[in-house]
C-alpha atoms as a PDB file:
ATOM      1  CA  UNK A   1       0.000  -0.002   0.000  1.00  0.00           C
ATOM      2  CA  UNK A   2       2.852   2.388   0.839  1.00  0.00           C
ATOM      3  CA  UNK A   3       4.507   1.595  -2.473  1.00  0.00           C
ATOM      4  CA  UNK A   4       1.314   2.440  -4.361  1.00  0.00           C
ATOM      5  CA  UNK A   5       0.937   5.767  -2.535  1.00  0.00           C
ATOM      6  CA  UNK A   6       4.598   6.688  -3.132  1.00  0.00           C
ATOM      7  CA  UNK A   7       4.329   5.680  -6.794  1.00  0.00           C
ATOM      8  CA  UNK A   8       1.142   7.733  -7.349  1.00  0.00           C
ATOM      9  CA  UNK A   9       2.713  10.722  -5.549  1.00  0.00           C
ATOM     10  CA  UNK A  10       5.826  10.488  -7.755  1.00  0.00           C
ATOM     11  CA  UNK A  11       3.701  10.289 -10.939  1.00  0.00           C
ATOM     12  CA  UNK A  12       1.583  13.266  -9.862  1.00  0.00           C
ATOM     13  CA  UNK A  13       4.651  15.376  -9.089  1.00  0.00           C
ATOM     14  CA  UNK A  14       6.342  14.514 -12.387  1.00  0.00           C
ATOM     15  CA  UNK A  15       3.191  15.389 -14.343  1.00  0.00           C
ATOM     16  CA  UNK A  16       2.975  18.700 -12.469  1.00  0.00           C
ATOM     17  CA  UNK A  17       6.620  19.515 -13.233  1.00  0.00           C
ATOM     18  CA  UNK A  18       6.220  18.700 -16.935  1.00  0.00           C
ATOM     19  CA  UNK A  19       3.054  20.814 -17.107  1.00  0.00           C
ATOM     20  CA  UNK A  20       4.702  23.770 -15.365  1.00  0.00           C
ATOM     21  CA  UNK A  21       7.685  23.649 -17.727  1.00  0.00           C
ATOM     22  CA  UNK A  22       5.430  23.607 -20.777  1.00  0.00           C
ATOM     23  CA  UNK A  23       3.688  26.798 -19.550  1.00  0.00           C
ATOM     24  CA  UNK A  24       6.890  28.874 -19.751  1.00  0.00           C
ATOM     25  CA  UNK A  25       6.448  31.826 -22.076  1.00  0.00           C
ATOM     26  CA  UNK A  26       7.914  31.431 -25.514  1.00  0.00           C
ATOM     27  CA  UNK A  27       9.450  34.441 -27.291  1.00  0.00           C
ATOM     28  CA  UNK A  28       7.082  35.966 -29.836  1.00  0.00           C
ATOM     29  CA  UNK A  29       8.097  36.275 -33.465  1.00  0.00           C
ATOM     30  CA  UNK A  30       8.423  39.720 -34.964  1.00  0.00           C
ATOM     31  CA  UNK A  31       5.254  40.241 -36.978  1.00  0.00           C
ATOM     32  CA  UNK A  32       4.275  43.468 -38.685  1.00  0.00           C
ATOM     33  CA  UNK A  33       0.792  42.727 -39.990  1.00  0.00           C
ATOM     34  CA  UNK A  34      -2.095  45.057 -39.149  1.00  0.00           C
ATOM     35  CA  UNK A  35      -3.725  42.900 -36.480  1.00  0.00           C
ATOM     36  CA  UNK A  36      -0.465  42.513 -34.569  1.00  0.00           C
ATOM     37  CA  UNK A  37       0.251  46.245 -34.679  1.00  0.00           C
ATOM     38  CA  UNK A  38      -3.279  46.909 -33.444  1.00  0.00           C
ATOM     39  CA  UNK A  39      -2.751  44.551 -30.493  1.00  0.00           C
ATOM     40  CA  UNK A  40       0.621  46.112 -29.719  1.00  0.00           C
ATOM     41  CA  UNK A  41      -0.763  49.636 -29.803  1.00  0.00           C
ATOM     42  CA  UNK A  42      -3.689  48.604 -27.572  1.00  0.00           C
ATOM     43  CA  UNK A  43      -1.325  48.157 -24.635  1.00  0.00           C
ATOM     44  CA  UNK A  44      -0.457  51.887 -24.770  1.00  0.00           C
ATOM     45  CA  UNK A  45      -4.045  52.813 -23.863  1.00  0.00           C
ATOM     46  CA  UNK A  46      -4.891  54.971 -26.872  1.00  0.00           C
ATOM     47  CA  UNK A  47      -8.426  56.242 -27.088  1.00  0.00           C
ATOM     48  CA  UNK A  48     -10.588  54.955 -29.901  1.00  0.00           C
ATOM     49  CA  UNK A  49     -10.625  57.239 -32.913  1.00  0.00           C
ATOM     50  CA  UNK A  50     -13.951  58.631 -34.164  1.00  0.00           C
ATOM     51  CA  UNK A  51     -14.789  57.589 -37.729  1.00  0.00           C
ATOM     52  CA  UNK A  52     -17.103  59.474 -40.079  1.00  0.00           C
ATOM     53  CA  UNK A  53     -19.031  58.603 -43.210  1.00  0.00           C
ATOM     54  CA  UNK A  54     -17.407  60.379 -46.164  1.00  0.00           C
ATOM     55  CA  UNK A  55     -15.971  63.860 -45.749  1.00  0.00           C
ATOM     56  CA  UNK A  56     -18.622  64.882 -43.244  1.00  0.00           C
ATOM     57  CA  UNK A  57     -19.231  64.880 -39.508  1.00  0.00           C
ATOM     58  CA  UNK A  58     -21.890  62.165 -39.808  1.00  0.00           C
ATOM     59  CA  UNK A  59     -21.463  59.239 -37.405  1.00  0.00           C
ATOM     60  CA  UNK A  60     -24.978  58.062 -36.574  1.00  0.00           C
ATOM     61  CA  UNK A  61     -28.643  58.803 -36.947  1.00  0.00           C
ATOM     62  CA  UNK A  62     -31.212  58.879 -39.735  1.00  0.00           C
ATOM     63  CA  UNK A  63     -29.864  59.925 -43.138  1.00  0.00           C
ATOM     64  CA  UNK A  64     -31.674  60.410 -46.466  1.00  0.00           C
ATOM     65  CA  UNK A  65     -30.913  57.836 -49.161  1.00  0.00           C
ATOM     66  CA  UNK A  66     -29.204  60.253 -51.545  1.00  0.00           C
ATOM     67  CA  UNK A  67     -26.911  61.541 -48.759  1.00  0.00           C
ATOM     68  CA  UNK A  68     -25.986  58.009 -47.674  1.00  0.00           C
ATOM     69  CA  UNK A  69     -25.229  56.963 -51.270  1.00  0.00           C
ATOM     70  CA  UNK A  70     -23.018  59.991 -51.965  1.00  0.00           C
ATOM     71  CA  UNK A  71     -21.115  59.750 -48.652  1.00  0.00           C
ATOM     72  CA  UNK A  72     -20.663  55.986 -48.995  1.00  0.00           C
ATOM     73  CA  UNK A  73     -18.981  56.539 -52.374  1.00  0.00           C
ATOM     74  CA  UNK A  74     -16.430  58.766 -50.587  1.00  0.00           C
ATOM     75  CA  UNK A  75     -15.554  56.058 -48.049  1.00  0.00           C
ATOM     76  CA  UNK A  76     -14.843  56.326 -44.327  1.00  0.00           C
ATOM     77  CA  UNK A  77     -12.659  59.033 -42.809  1.00  0.00           C
ATOM     78  CA  UNK A  78     -11.127  59.296 -39.361  1.00  0.00           C
ATOM     79  CA  UNK A  79     -10.082  62.392 -37.462  1.00  0.00           C
ATOM     80  CA  UNK A  80      -9.525  63.119 -33.806  1.00  0.00           C
ATOM     81  CA  UNK A  81     -10.697  66.124 -31.771  1.00  0.00           C
ATOM     82  CA  UNK A  82      -7.566  68.077 -32.777  1.00  0.00           C
ATOM     83  CA  UNK A  83      -8.425  67.630 -36.458  1.00  0.00           C
ATOM     84  CA  UNK A  84      -5.590  65.193 -37.176  1.00  0.00           C
ATOM     85  CA  UNK A  85      -6.686  62.850 -39.932  1.00  0.00           C
ATOM     86  CA  UNK A  86      -6.063  59.130 -39.805  1.00  0.00           C
ATOM     87  CA  UNK A  87      -6.414  56.508 -42.518  1.00  0.00           C
ATOM     88  CA  UNK A  88      -9.067  53.797 -42.234  1.00  0.00           C
ATOM     89  CA  UNK A  89      -7.278  50.566 -43.173  1.00  0.00           C
ATOM     90  CA  UNK A  90     -10.160  48.133 -42.687  1.00  0.00           C
ATOM     91  CA  UNK A  91     -13.773  47.928 -41.543  1.00  0.00           C
ATOM     92  CA  UNK A  92     -16.709  45.550 -41.507  1.00  0.00           C
ATOM     93  CA  UNK A  93     -20.190  46.568 -42.599  1.00  0.00           C
ATOM     94  CA  UNK A  94     -23.411  44.873 -41.571  1.00  0.00           C
ATOM     95  CA  UNK A  95     -26.157  46.062 -43.906  1.00  0.00           C
ATOM     96  CA  UNK A  96     -29.679  45.160 -42.782  1.00  0.00           C
ATOM     97  CA  UNK A  97     -32.070  45.353 -45.695  1.00  0.00           C
ATOM     98  CA  UNK A  98     -35.809  45.404 -44.967  1.00  0.00           C
ATOM     99  CA  UNK A  99     -37.960  43.702 -47.592  1.00  0.00           C
ATOM    100  CA  UNK A 100     -41.685  43.144 -47.983  1.00  0.00           C
ATOM    101  CA  UNK A 101     -42.773  39.592 -48.761  1.00  0.00           C
ATOM    102  CA  UNK A 102     -46.043  37.747 -49.309  1.00  0.00           C
ATOM    103  CA  UNK A 103     -46.667  34.277 -47.917  1.00  0.00           C
ATOM    104  CA  UNK A 104     -48.729  31.507 -49.579  1.00  0.00           C
ATOM    105  CA  UNK A 105     -51.948  32.800 -47.961  1.00  0.00           C
ATOM    106  CA  UNK A 106     -51.505  36.309 -49.354  1.00  0.00           C
ATOM    107  CA  UNK A 107     -50.428  37.900 -46.072  1.00  0.00           C
ATOM    108  CA  UNK A 108     -47.699  40.523 -46.259  1.00  0.00           C
ATOM    109  CA  UNK A 109     -44.778  40.560 -43.853  1.00  0.00           C
ATOM    110  CA  UNK A 110     -41.458  42.341 -43.595  1.00  0.00           C
ATOM    111  CA  UNK A 111     -38.231  40.462 -43.164  1.00  0.00           C
ATOM    112  CA  UNK A 112     -34.638  41.580 -42.733  1.00  0.00           C
ATOM    113  CA  UNK A 113     -31.842  40.283 -44.934  1.00  0.00           C
ATOM    114  CA  UNK A 114     -28.288  40.801 -43.766  1.00  0.00           C
ATOM    115  CA  UNK A 115     -25.330  41.645 -45.977  1.00  0.00           C
ATOM    116  CA  UNK A 116     -21.861  41.494 -44.407  1.00  0.00           C
ATOM    117  CA  UNK A 117     -18.620  42.612 -45.996  1.00  0.00           C
ATOM    118  CA  UNK A 118     -15.061  43.096 -44.749  1.00  0.00           C
ATOM    119  CA  UNK A 119     -13.176  45.832 -46.553  1.00  0.00           C
ATOM    120  CA  UNK A 120      -9.389  46.184 -46.368  1.00  0.00           C
ATOM    121  CA  UNK A 121      -9.522  49.874 -47.322  1.00  0.00           C
ATOM    122  CA  UNK A 122     -11.647  52.918 -46.477  1.00  0.00           C
ATOM    123  CA  UNK A 123     -14.201  52.123 -49.219  1.00  0.00           C
ATOM    124  CA  UNK A 124     -16.671  49.285 -49.544  1.00  0.00           C
ATOM    125  CA  UNK A 125     -15.606  46.487 -51.903  1.00  0.00           C
ATOM    126  CA  UNK A 126     -19.037  45.909 -53.358  1.00  0.00           C
ATOM    127  CA  UNK A 127     -20.382  49.474 -53.201  1.00  0.00           C
ATOM    128  CA  UNK A 128     -21.893  49.336 -56.703  1.00  0.00           C
ATOM    129  CA  UNK A 129     -24.139  46.444 -55.701  1.00  0.00           C
ATOM    130  CA  UNK A 130     -25.068  48.151 -52.416  1.00  0.00           C
ATOM    131  CA  UNK A 131     -25.918  51.536 -53.948  1.00  0.00           C
ATOM    132  CA  UNK A 132     -28.642  49.893 -56.061  1.00  0.00           C
ATOM    133  CA  UNK A 133     -30.186  48.224 -53.000  1.00  0.00           C
ATOM    134  CA  UNK A 134     -30.406  51.083 -50.474  1.00  0.00           C
ATOM    135  CA  UNK A 135     -33.880  52.237 -49.490  1.00  0.00           C
ATOM    136  CA  UNK A 136     -35.796  53.767 -46.622  1.00  0.00           C
ATOM    137  CA  UNK A 137     -35.723  51.664 -43.448  1.00  0.00           C
ATOM    138  CA  UNK A 138     -32.393  49.930 -44.111  1.00  0.00           C
ATOM    139  CA  UNK A 139     -29.646  50.073 -41.495  1.00  0.00           C
ATOM    140  CA  UNK A 140     -25.868  50.164 -41.991  1.00  0.00           C
ATOM    141  CA  UNK A 141     -23.636  49.224 -39.056  1.00  0.00           C
ATOM    142  CA  UNK A 142     -19.886  49.832 -39.360  1.00  0.00           C
ATOM    143  CA  UNK A 143     -17.760  47.833 -36.936  1.00  0.00           C
ATOM    144  CA  UNK A 144     -14.249  46.372 -36.492  1.00  0.00           C
ATOM    145  CA  UNK A 145     -12.768  49.605 -37.810  1.00  0.00           C
ATOM    146  CA  UNK A 146      -8.967  49.896 -37.796  1.00  0.00           C
ATOM    147  CA  UNK A 147      -7.413  53.360 -38.140  1.00  0.00           C
ATOM    148  CA  UNK A 148      -3.749  54.148 -38.829  1.00  0.00           C
ATOM    149  CA  UNK A 149      -2.659  57.411 -37.260  1.00  0.00           C
ATOM    150  CA  UNK A 150      -0.021  59.618 -38.950  1.00  0.00           C
ATOM    151  CA  UNK A 151       2.741  58.195 -36.706  1.00  0.00           C
ATOM    152  CA  UNK A 152       1.973  54.629 -37.997  1.00  0.00           C
ATOM    153  CA  UNK A 153       0.172  53.550 -34.833  1.00  0.00           C
ATOM    154  CA  UNK A 154      -2.934  51.425 -35.371  1.00  0.00           C
ATOM    155  CA  UNK A 155      -5.977  52.174 -33.182  1.00  0.00           C
ATOM    156  CA  UNK A 156      -9.531  50.902 -33.057  1.00  0.00           C
ATOM    157  CA  UNK A 157     -12.133  53.156 -34.662  1.00  0.00           C
ATOM    158  CA  UNK A 158     -15.487  53.824 -33.034  1.00  0.00           C
ATOM    159  CA  UNK A 159     -18.368  51.958 -34.667  1.00  0.00           C
ATOM    160  CA  UNK A 160     -21.278  53.675 -36.410  1.00  0.00           C
ATOM    161  CA  UNK A 161     -24.970  52.932 -36.919  1.00  0.00           C
ATOM    162  CA  UNK A 162     -26.789  54.754 -39.700  1.00  0.00           C
ATOM    163  CA  UNK A 163     -30.465  54.307 -40.613  1.00  0.00           C
ATOM    164  CA  UNK A 164     -31.568  55.306 -44.097  1.00  0.00           C
ATOM    165  CA  UNK A 165     -34.568  57.608 -43.950  1.00  0.00           C
ATOM    166  CA  UNK A 166     -36.599  59.645 -46.437  1.00  0.00           C
END
């Protein structure tokens, strides 16, 4: 019985030692892609940068269709409170399109279709297709925005929610 207890204690200790040694931190490789620079700059506690639709001060609210279409063609812009402009390097758009449908009994109902796109620039990849689909009641949500400041530091951009109105 003593042998079994000593053996099980020795096995438990050796497993614990092996586990502790495997948890030692490994040196990180030097990586310069955008996501790594964003993570590295996050540890410096930068504030999130405000992002605007086109060359305007529009960040949220209800916007007429023609204004949304013209500002969306300009892309996203970023500037801080001091007026320093940053470059939007990527963003994700969630476009919620409201549509009217009719079921087999002839009853009408509205349903929401969702379009999602990840752009690696300040403009939407498939803007031409989106500009033909915009209408009153649709919602555009801009999220996962990455902004490069003039000193090559990447910061997170503040998200936006815009509803298309009259």
